[in-house]
N, C-alpha and C. Protein backbone atom coordinates (compact mmCIF):
# COMPACT_ATOMS: atom_id res chain seq x y z
N MET A 1 -50.82 -47.75 20.33
CA MET A 1 -51.66 -47.36 21.35
C MET A 1 -52.98 -47.75 21.26
N SER A 2 -53.60 -48.30 22.24
CA SER A 2 -54.96 -48.86 22.18
C SER A 2 -55.85 -47.68 22.20
N SER A 3 -57.12 -47.93 21.72
CA SER A 3 -58.14 -46.88 21.84
C SER A 3 -58.58 -46.55 23.15
N LEU A 4 -58.48 -47.47 24.05
CA LEU A 4 -58.78 -47.20 25.45
C LEU A 4 -57.86 -46.09 26.08
N THR A 5 -56.60 -46.23 25.86
CA THR A 5 -55.59 -45.23 26.45
C THR A 5 -55.73 -44.02 25.67
N GLN A 6 -56.00 -43.95 24.42
CA GLN A 6 -56.21 -42.73 23.63
C GLN A 6 -57.42 -42.06 24.20
N SER A 7 -58.57 -42.69 24.47
CA SER A 7 -59.79 -42.01 24.87
C SER A 7 -59.60 -41.44 26.28
N VAL A 8 -58.89 -42.07 27.14
CA VAL A 8 -58.60 -41.64 28.54
C VAL A 8 -57.82 -40.34 28.46
N ARG A 9 -56.94 -40.13 27.51
CA ARG A 9 -56.07 -39.09 27.35
C ARG A 9 -56.95 -37.75 27.10
N TYR A 10 -58.01 -37.98 26.30
CA TYR A 10 -58.94 -36.90 25.99
C TYR A 10 -59.93 -36.58 27.03
N GLN A 11 -60.10 -37.40 28.06
CA GLN A 11 -61.11 -37.17 29.01
C GLN A 11 -60.45 -36.95 30.43
N ARG A 12 -59.48 -36.09 30.47
CA ARG A 12 -58.76 -35.88 31.74
C ARG A 12 -59.52 -34.87 32.64
N GLY A 13 -60.38 -34.07 32.14
CA GLY A 13 -61.12 -33.03 33.01
C GLY A 13 -60.52 -31.76 33.03
N LEU A 14 -60.85 -31.01 33.95
CA LEU A 14 -60.40 -29.61 34.12
C LEU A 14 -58.96 -29.65 34.67
N GLY A 15 -58.21 -28.72 34.00
CA GLY A 15 -56.77 -28.60 34.51
C GLY A 15 -56.70 -27.60 35.60
N PHE A 16 -55.52 -27.38 36.13
CA PHE A 16 -55.32 -26.46 37.26
C PHE A 16 -55.67 -24.96 36.88
N PRO A 17 -55.23 -24.55 35.65
CA PRO A 17 -55.61 -23.12 35.19
C PRO A 17 -57.05 -22.95 35.10
N SER A 18 -57.75 -23.92 34.59
CA SER A 18 -59.26 -23.74 34.44
C SER A 18 -59.89 -23.72 35.85
N VAL A 19 -59.52 -24.50 36.82
CA VAL A 19 -60.02 -24.36 38.23
C VAL A 19 -59.64 -23.00 38.76
N ILE A 20 -58.51 -22.49 38.62
CA ILE A 20 -58.21 -21.21 39.17
C ILE A 20 -59.02 -20.04 38.37
N ALA A 21 -59.34 -20.19 37.13
CA ALA A 21 -60.14 -19.23 36.42
C ALA A 21 -61.58 -19.23 36.94
N ILE A 22 -62.04 -20.43 37.20
CA ILE A 22 -63.45 -20.62 37.70
C ILE A 22 -63.59 -19.92 39.20
N ILE A 23 -62.49 -20.22 40.00
CA ILE A 23 -62.59 -19.65 41.36
C ILE A 23 -62.44 -18.21 41.27
N ALA A 24 -61.63 -17.56 40.43
CA ALA A 24 -61.46 -16.09 40.26
C ALA A 24 -62.76 -15.51 39.78
N LEU A 25 -63.40 -16.10 38.88
CA LEU A 25 -64.67 -15.53 38.32
C LEU A 25 -65.68 -15.65 39.44
N ALA A 26 -65.78 -16.70 40.14
CA ALA A 26 -66.85 -16.82 41.19
C ALA A 26 -66.56 -15.80 42.25
N SER A 27 -65.34 -15.49 42.61
CA SER A 27 -64.86 -14.60 43.59
C SER A 27 -65.35 -13.23 43.08
N PHE A 28 -65.14 -12.93 41.98
CA PHE A 28 -65.47 -11.60 41.35
C PHE A 28 -66.97 -11.36 41.53
N PHE A 29 -67.84 -12.26 41.07
CA PHE A 29 -69.28 -12.08 41.20
C PHE A 29 -69.79 -12.05 42.73
N ILE A 30 -69.20 -12.85 43.56
CA ILE A 30 -69.48 -12.78 44.93
C ILE A 30 -69.15 -11.46 45.55
N THR A 31 -68.04 -10.93 45.20
CA THR A 31 -67.57 -9.60 45.65
C THR A 31 -68.68 -8.53 45.20
N ILE A 32 -69.16 -8.55 43.93
CA ILE A 32 -70.15 -7.70 43.50
C ILE A 32 -71.38 -7.89 44.34
N LEU A 33 -71.77 -9.07 44.53
CA LEU A 33 -72.98 -9.39 45.25
C LEU A 33 -72.89 -8.74 46.62
N PHE A 34 -71.82 -8.99 47.38
CA PHE A 34 -71.78 -8.44 48.74
C PHE A 34 -71.63 -6.91 48.77
N LYS A 35 -71.10 -6.35 47.74
CA LYS A 35 -71.00 -4.84 47.72
C LYS A 35 -72.26 -4.14 47.27
N VAL A 36 -72.90 -4.68 46.33
CA VAL A 36 -74.13 -4.11 45.71
C VAL A 36 -75.41 -4.42 46.46
N GLY A 37 -75.50 -5.66 46.93
CA GLY A 37 -76.61 -6.25 47.51
C GLY A 37 -77.18 -5.33 48.68
N PRO A 38 -76.38 -4.85 49.62
CA PRO A 38 -76.95 -4.00 50.61
C PRO A 38 -77.48 -2.75 50.10
N LEU A 39 -76.98 -2.22 49.04
CA LEU A 39 -77.61 -1.04 48.39
C LEU A 39 -79.11 -1.27 47.97
N TYR A 40 -79.26 -2.43 47.37
CA TYR A 40 -80.64 -2.86 46.96
C TYR A 40 -81.52 -3.04 48.07
N MET A 41 -80.96 -3.74 49.14
CA MET A 41 -81.77 -3.98 50.31
C MET A 41 -82.16 -2.62 51.02
N GLY A 42 -81.38 -1.71 51.06
CA GLY A 42 -81.76 -0.41 51.65
C GLY A 42 -82.84 0.28 50.84
N PHE A 43 -82.80 0.10 49.50
CA PHE A 43 -83.94 0.84 48.61
C PHE A 43 -85.11 0.06 48.85
N TRP A 44 -85.14 -1.30 48.95
CA TRP A 44 -86.28 -2.01 49.14
C TRP A 44 -86.98 -1.65 50.54
N THR A 45 -86.15 -1.29 51.56
CA THR A 45 -86.78 -0.85 52.77
C THR A 45 -87.47 0.51 52.61
N VAL A 46 -86.75 1.49 51.85
CA VAL A 46 -87.43 2.78 51.52
C VAL A 46 -88.58 2.68 50.65
N ARG A 47 -88.66 1.80 49.77
CA ARG A 47 -89.81 1.55 48.87
C ARG A 47 -90.92 0.89 49.72
N SER A 48 -90.61 0.10 50.59
CA SER A 48 -91.72 -0.48 51.55
C SER A 48 -92.30 0.64 52.32
N ILE A 49 -91.37 1.56 52.85
CA ILE A 49 -91.92 2.62 53.63
C ILE A 49 -92.91 3.52 52.87
N MET A 50 -92.48 3.81 51.56
CA MET A 50 -93.33 4.61 50.73
C MET A 50 -94.68 3.96 50.40
N GLU A 51 -94.62 2.58 50.16
CA GLU A 51 -95.83 1.88 49.92
C GLU A 51 -96.74 1.92 51.17
N ASP A 52 -96.21 1.76 52.33
CA ASP A 52 -96.91 1.86 53.58
C ASP A 52 -97.61 3.10 53.81
N MET A 53 -96.89 4.22 53.36
CA MET A 53 -97.46 5.57 53.54
C MET A 53 -98.63 5.73 52.61
N ALA A 54 -98.50 5.10 51.40
CA ALA A 54 -99.67 5.29 50.42
C ALA A 54 -100.81 4.58 50.93
N ALA A 55 -100.63 3.37 51.55
CA ALA A 55 -101.71 2.60 52.06
C ALA A 55 -102.38 3.19 53.22
N ASP A 56 -101.61 3.88 54.09
CA ASP A 56 -102.10 4.42 55.38
C ASP A 56 -102.56 5.95 55.08
N TYR A 57 -102.31 6.46 53.99
CA TYR A 57 -102.74 7.93 53.79
C TYR A 57 -104.15 8.33 54.07
N GLY A 58 -105.06 7.44 53.73
CA GLY A 58 -106.45 7.71 53.83
C GLY A 58 -106.93 7.96 55.29
N ASN A 59 -106.20 7.34 56.24
CA ASN A 59 -106.47 7.46 57.59
C ASN A 59 -105.70 8.59 58.34
N SER A 60 -104.93 9.33 57.53
CA SER A 60 -104.14 10.34 58.15
C SER A 60 -104.60 11.72 57.93
N ARG A 61 -104.10 12.73 58.66
CA ARG A 61 -104.54 14.13 58.52
C ARG A 61 -103.49 15.03 57.74
N GLU A 62 -102.55 14.34 57.17
CA GLU A 62 -101.56 15.05 56.35
C GLU A 62 -102.18 15.61 55.11
N ASN A 63 -102.24 16.93 54.93
CA ASN A 63 -102.93 17.51 53.79
C ASN A 63 -101.96 18.46 53.08
N ASN A 64 -100.60 18.52 53.48
CA ASN A 64 -99.67 19.43 52.58
C ASN A 64 -98.39 18.67 52.57
N SER A 65 -97.50 19.17 51.74
CA SER A 65 -96.31 18.43 51.49
C SER A 65 -95.40 18.46 52.67
N ARG A 66 -95.46 19.45 53.47
CA ARG A 66 -94.49 19.47 54.63
C ARG A 66 -95.00 18.31 55.66
N ALA A 67 -96.20 18.29 55.89
CA ALA A 67 -96.66 17.27 56.85
C ALA A 67 -96.36 15.84 56.33
N ILE A 68 -96.53 15.64 54.99
CA ILE A 68 -96.12 14.28 54.38
C ILE A 68 -94.68 14.02 54.55
N LEU A 69 -93.77 15.04 54.40
CA LEU A 69 -92.32 14.90 54.57
C LEU A 69 -91.93 14.56 56.03
N THR A 70 -92.70 15.25 56.98
CA THR A 70 -92.48 15.06 58.38
C THR A 70 -92.85 13.64 58.74
N ALA A 71 -94.01 13.10 58.27
CA ALA A 71 -94.45 11.77 58.58
C ALA A 71 -93.43 10.80 57.92
N LEU A 72 -92.99 10.96 56.77
CA LEU A 72 -91.97 10.19 56.06
C LEU A 72 -90.64 10.23 56.90
N GLU A 73 -90.24 11.34 57.30
CA GLU A 73 -89.03 11.42 58.14
C GLU A 73 -89.07 10.52 59.44
N LYS A 74 -90.21 10.56 60.08
CA LYS A 74 -90.39 9.68 61.26
C LYS A 74 -90.27 8.24 60.87
N ARG A 75 -90.91 7.88 59.85
CA ARG A 75 -90.76 6.46 59.38
C ARG A 75 -89.41 6.08 59.04
N LEU A 76 -88.70 6.91 58.40
CA LEU A 76 -87.27 6.66 58.02
C LEU A 76 -86.43 6.47 59.27
N ASP A 77 -86.73 7.34 60.25
CA ASP A 77 -85.87 7.33 61.56
C ASP A 77 -86.34 5.97 62.19
N VAL A 78 -87.55 5.58 62.36
CA VAL A 78 -87.90 4.40 63.14
C VAL A 78 -87.21 3.20 62.52
N ASN A 79 -87.00 3.21 61.04
CA ASN A 79 -86.42 2.09 60.36
C ASN A 79 -84.95 2.16 60.23
N SER A 80 -84.44 3.20 60.85
CA SER A 80 -82.99 3.49 60.88
C SER A 80 -82.40 3.57 59.49
N VAL A 81 -83.09 4.28 58.58
CA VAL A 81 -82.66 4.54 57.21
C VAL A 81 -81.88 5.73 57.23
N THR A 82 -80.55 5.57 56.93
CA THR A 82 -79.63 6.79 56.98
C THR A 82 -79.08 7.14 55.62
N HIS A 83 -79.19 6.35 54.67
CA HIS A 83 -78.57 6.44 53.38
C HIS A 83 -79.39 7.39 52.37
N VAL A 84 -80.67 7.69 52.88
CA VAL A 84 -81.49 8.55 52.07
C VAL A 84 -81.77 9.87 52.87
N LYS A 85 -81.68 10.95 52.07
CA LYS A 85 -81.96 12.26 52.80
C LYS A 85 -83.34 12.67 52.42
N LEU A 86 -83.87 13.54 53.17
CA LEU A 86 -85.20 14.09 52.86
C LEU A 86 -85.25 14.75 51.63
N SER A 87 -84.13 15.38 51.29
CA SER A 87 -84.06 16.15 49.94
C SER A 87 -84.05 15.30 48.79
N ASP A 88 -83.99 14.03 49.02
CA ASP A 88 -84.14 13.07 47.83
C ASP A 88 -85.55 12.70 47.42
N PHE A 89 -86.50 13.13 48.27
CA PHE A 89 -87.94 13.04 48.05
C PHE A 89 -88.49 14.26 47.52
N ASP A 90 -89.55 14.07 46.65
CA ASP A 90 -90.27 15.20 46.11
C ASP A 90 -91.71 14.91 46.30
N VAL A 91 -92.52 15.89 46.82
CA VAL A 91 -93.96 15.75 47.01
C VAL A 91 -94.58 16.78 46.12
N GLU A 92 -95.52 16.17 45.21
CA GLU A 92 -96.22 17.05 44.22
C GLU A 92 -97.64 16.86 44.38
N ARG A 93 -98.41 17.95 44.54
CA ARG A 93 -99.78 17.89 44.64
C ARG A 93 -100.47 17.70 43.26
N THR A 94 -101.40 16.78 43.34
CA THR A 94 -102.06 16.43 42.00
C THR A 94 -103.55 16.62 42.12
N GLY A 95 -104.09 17.11 43.29
CA GLY A 95 -105.48 17.35 43.45
C GLY A 95 -105.81 17.56 44.91
N GLU A 96 -107.00 17.65 45.26
CA GLU A 96 -107.48 17.84 46.66
C GLU A 96 -107.08 16.61 47.42
N ARG A 97 -106.20 16.71 48.37
CA ARG A 97 -105.74 15.55 49.26
C ARG A 97 -105.20 14.41 48.39
N ARG A 98 -104.53 14.71 47.22
CA ARG A 98 -103.89 13.81 46.33
C ARG A 98 -102.47 14.30 45.95
N PHE A 99 -101.52 13.49 46.34
CA PHE A 99 -100.08 13.78 46.11
C PHE A 99 -99.37 12.65 45.46
N ASN A 100 -98.28 13.05 44.84
CA ASN A 100 -97.26 12.03 44.28
C ASN A 100 -96.05 12.23 45.15
N LEU A 101 -95.61 11.14 45.80
CA LEU A 101 -94.37 11.02 46.53
C LEU A 101 -93.20 10.38 45.63
N LYS A 102 -92.25 11.22 45.25
CA LYS A 102 -91.23 10.54 44.33
C LYS A 102 -89.86 10.52 45.02
N LEU A 103 -89.16 9.49 44.69
CA LEU A 103 -87.84 9.29 45.25
C LEU A 103 -86.86 9.10 44.19
N ASN A 104 -85.80 9.94 44.24
CA ASN A 104 -84.66 9.82 43.15
C ASN A 104 -83.37 9.92 43.92
N TYR A 105 -82.53 8.95 43.86
CA TYR A 105 -81.10 9.15 44.45
C TYR A 105 -80.18 8.16 43.89
N GLU A 106 -78.99 8.51 44.09
CA GLU A 106 -77.85 7.62 43.71
C GLU A 106 -76.96 7.22 44.87
N GLN A 107 -76.46 6.03 44.78
CA GLN A 107 -75.55 5.57 45.86
C GLN A 107 -74.22 5.06 45.21
N ARG A 108 -73.12 5.42 45.81
CA ARG A 108 -71.89 4.91 45.27
C ARG A 108 -71.17 4.01 46.36
N THR A 109 -70.51 3.03 45.88
CA THR A 109 -69.79 2.18 46.84
C THR A 109 -68.54 1.76 46.06
N HIS A 110 -67.50 1.56 46.97
CA HIS A 110 -66.20 1.16 46.38
C HIS A 110 -66.33 -0.40 46.15
N LEU A 111 -65.76 -0.80 44.97
CA LEU A 111 -65.67 -2.17 44.65
C LEU A 111 -64.32 -2.75 44.96
N PHE A 112 -63.40 -2.43 44.22
CA PHE A 112 -62.02 -2.74 44.49
C PHE A 112 -61.05 -1.91 43.65
N PHE A 113 -59.74 -1.70 44.14
CA PHE A 113 -58.82 -0.87 43.55
C PHE A 113 -59.39 0.53 43.38
N ASN A 114 -59.50 1.01 42.10
CA ASN A 114 -59.90 2.28 41.84
C ASN A 114 -61.22 2.23 41.18
N ILE A 115 -62.10 1.15 41.40
CA ILE A 115 -63.25 0.94 40.68
C ILE A 115 -64.42 1.13 41.73
N ASP A 116 -65.33 2.01 41.41
CA ASP A 116 -66.60 2.22 42.19
C ASP A 116 -67.80 1.84 41.42
N VAL A 117 -68.93 1.51 42.23
CA VAL A 117 -70.18 1.23 41.54
C VAL A 117 -71.11 2.35 41.85
N VAL A 118 -71.79 2.89 40.88
CA VAL A 118 -72.86 3.89 41.14
C VAL A 118 -74.25 3.24 40.80
N VAL A 119 -75.20 3.21 41.65
CA VAL A 119 -76.42 2.61 41.42
C VAL A 119 -77.42 3.83 41.64
N SER A 120 -78.43 3.87 40.60
CA SER A 120 -79.40 4.89 40.73
C SER A 120 -80.78 4.30 41.02
N PHE A 121 -81.48 4.90 41.87
CA PHE A 121 -82.84 4.34 42.35
C PHE A 121 -83.88 5.36 42.11
N SER A 122 -85.01 5.05 41.74
CA SER A 122 -86.19 5.84 41.68
C SER A 122 -87.46 5.06 41.99
N HIS A 123 -88.39 5.67 42.62
CA HIS A 123 -89.69 5.20 43.00
C HIS A 123 -90.72 6.27 43.14
N LYS A 124 -91.99 5.88 42.83
CA LYS A 124 -93.05 6.79 42.96
C LYS A 124 -94.28 6.15 43.38
N VAL A 125 -95.00 6.83 44.45
CA VAL A 125 -96.28 6.38 44.89
C VAL A 125 -97.32 7.46 44.82
N GLU A 126 -98.51 7.11 44.73
CA GLU A 126 -99.59 8.17 44.78
C GLU A 126 -100.29 7.98 46.20
N LEU A 127 -100.39 9.15 46.80
CA LEU A 127 -101.08 9.25 48.08
C LEU A 127 -102.43 9.80 47.92
N GLY A 128 -103.38 9.10 48.51
CA GLY A 128 -104.84 9.59 48.33
C GLY A 128 -105.42 9.26 47.01
N SER A 129 -104.97 8.19 46.39
CA SER A 129 -105.56 7.87 45.12
C SER A 129 -106.94 7.17 45.03
N THR A 130 -107.31 6.80 46.22
CA THR A 130 -108.52 6.09 46.45
C THR A 130 -109.74 7.05 46.72
């Protein structure tokens, strides 16, 4: 057997089982991306709303936690955020016209078969810190 024929035998490339394994692995990660991705996009929307509230707080008249939660509820409604409840937020007074707005919640989504994914989110902004 010549060395050329022998070297070609060792350079055949991926076999069928290897291709199937790569496709299965790619499908698994794409499924996770499509199931968990929207959860993070929803959180980023809520985080953006909280950051906007912190930036706009100096121009507002909200000086108690109920008024802050009412303003937050309006912003969530305008942005069609339905996965977060108002009870997931906590407003804590830290001084005269200064508050901490905290968000803590978990979201669960079905992945496949009997496997669910639970993702926990938290964010905090200071209102009136300037």
